[in-house]
Every structure is written in structure tokens, then in C-alpha cells.
């Protein structure tokens, strides 16, 4: 049975939903898109061409669309500051929700959303698409397999030459803490997922060089310690002279007891531990590597997450990125911003618990 879905947001990233992410799931009979919403009527063309909707099935008012269609669920693909009002409307009409990251524009708003969803008995997932890319999924499965022994620490590099205004999309140059909100929201989430534990302590430095044409910080160095003892380092940069690992091409190194796993430009290598290759003083011995094949399946990233969302609605296991668990991702970003401003490490779980308590008192 297809889930009847209303697509909210058809411009910007919403175009990708209309033309790339939803159609394969329509073809598989998992969803039926019954309406689409965007405040800009010019963006309706993406729903008309990509999803086969008529002009009458495209709206500028979300409540009107919800009222006129007997849907099961909706997507939320609009700027984060507007997520909460869309979620409120969806819950009012009894809809489950699949939202683009982040949950909202602040940790407080994210906690409010998660609380409202829980109280309504609804289901809400968040599309942390980078975590479910093909290459990151392959690395995650390799670490979970236990073949390479326990994980010691992780390193992630995301560095770009996007210093000029508009080179990373004009709106991102106008966002305060843009690297954290638009980039590290994925990367810190990936590190926590690979560590397979909640973050305990985070220390961050973020800044903007004089040559970066941004309204806020676009460079970062972050240190993370997870509850299982795993550690991680994150290097993020949007204003470098050379882009070494840009969007989707991140470098991730996992140091395990029995191997070093290196993901770089969507290729995964394994350097197995060889006691005969241990270096003596003054030597540099890298050893040889083995290419690990990437996992193979039909759907990845958001297309795969739509499928996982439908499976959850039909009685399967909750999405790994359900809204309650995804509060961890928002807490990481909030902690990084706070740490950079105070110059002090942040206890991430305490920050989240305090926010939950404060929001509970306010509601």
C-alpha cells in the first residue's frame, strides 16, 4: 500500500526531492505524491515535471494543501527556521513527517518539535543524507563488522576553496556559523555514527579569515570524545586556497587496532597491521593497502531514507535518524558554537538535558 505524501518545498533542495529522491520510490509503489507546496509559484514546475502533479495539486499555503488531501505523511524541505510551523500544521492534520536536516534552526526549537511529535503519537524522521551515502555506509559497516578490531579514533577532513561570496550558494554566506549549520551538521553526525556512541565532550574553535566573504565563521577545528572512549578530530574549512575534500568527497580515517581504514574521495582503503612492518627510529614505513569495494544497493542517501521512512510507517523499525535520536546531531552543532564562543569544552549530554528541561518548563 502506497503512503500518500505531500511534498512541502519544491524550490532549492526541494527540486532534488521532486526530480531525484521521490520518483524512484513512486516507481516502486512505496509512495504516492498527492500534492506539493511552495510559497513561490515558480517552483511548482519541479513538482509538475518531476512528480507528474497538475497545477491544481500545487499550493502556496500548506494548511490548504493538508486540508484538501487525505494524506498519510509529508516532507519538510524548507529553510530550518520554518520547520516548526510546518510540523505544527502536519500534526494538526494527523500527518507523519520526514524532514530535511537540521530538525530546526536552534536546539530549543528542535527539542520543542521532538516533544510535540512524541505527544501527538506521530512519527518523524530526519534525512541525514551524508551518513547514508554509499562510501560512508561502507565504512560504517566495516567498523561494525569487528574484522579490524576495536576503534581507537577518527579523523574527518572537509576543506574547500569557496571563499568568494556566492561560491557556496549565496544564502550560506549570510548565515552566522555557516560551516557548523550547513556543513558540520553532517560531518559531526557522521563521526558520532562511526564512533557508535553519544558524544560526551566537545571542544571547538571556529573563525573567519580576513579573506573569507562570509557573515560568520567558516573555518573550524573540533575535538570530540565519545562515551565509549572513542575520540575524533574534525577539520572543516570553506576559505582555503585549495579544496582537498569538498562536499560529499570527505576524507575520513578510522584508526583501529588491526587496521587503518582511509576513506578519501569516495574510495576506501585498508592498511592492515603487520608487525614486521613496524618502523625503527628514523624510518617511515607506510605499508601496502587493499582497496575495499563499496557496498552495492539500488538506493542511497535521501532516496534510501524515504524507503526507510515508509518501512517505519508500515510497522518496521524506527529510522536511525528519528527525531528524538537526531537531537544528538543538533546538540553537537550547538555545543560546537558554544565552545567556540566561550573557549571552553562543552559536556554535550548535559547541554541537551538542560535544554530539554528548560523547554519542558516553558511548554
Foldseek 3Di string as FASTA:
>chain_A
DAFEEEEEDQPDVNLCCLAPQCVVCVVVRHHQHQAYEDLDLVSCVSNCVRRVDDSVRYYPDLLVNLVVDPGAAYEADDAQQCLLVNLVSCLVSNHAYEYEDDSHDALLSLLVSVVVCVVSVHWYFYFLFLCFAQLNVQLLVVQVVCPQAHWAEKEKEAAEAQQDQCSVHNVLLEDAVSCLRPPVLNVVVSRCSSNVFFWFKKAKAFADDPSHSGPYTFWMWMWTAGPVGYIYIYTGHHNDPHGQAHDSQMWMWIDHPFWIWIRGRSWIKIAGDDVVQDDDPPDDGDHDIDTDDTDDDDDTGSSVVVVVCSCVVVPDDGDPRISVNVSSSSLVSVQNVVNNVVVHMDRSVVVSVVSSVVSVVVD
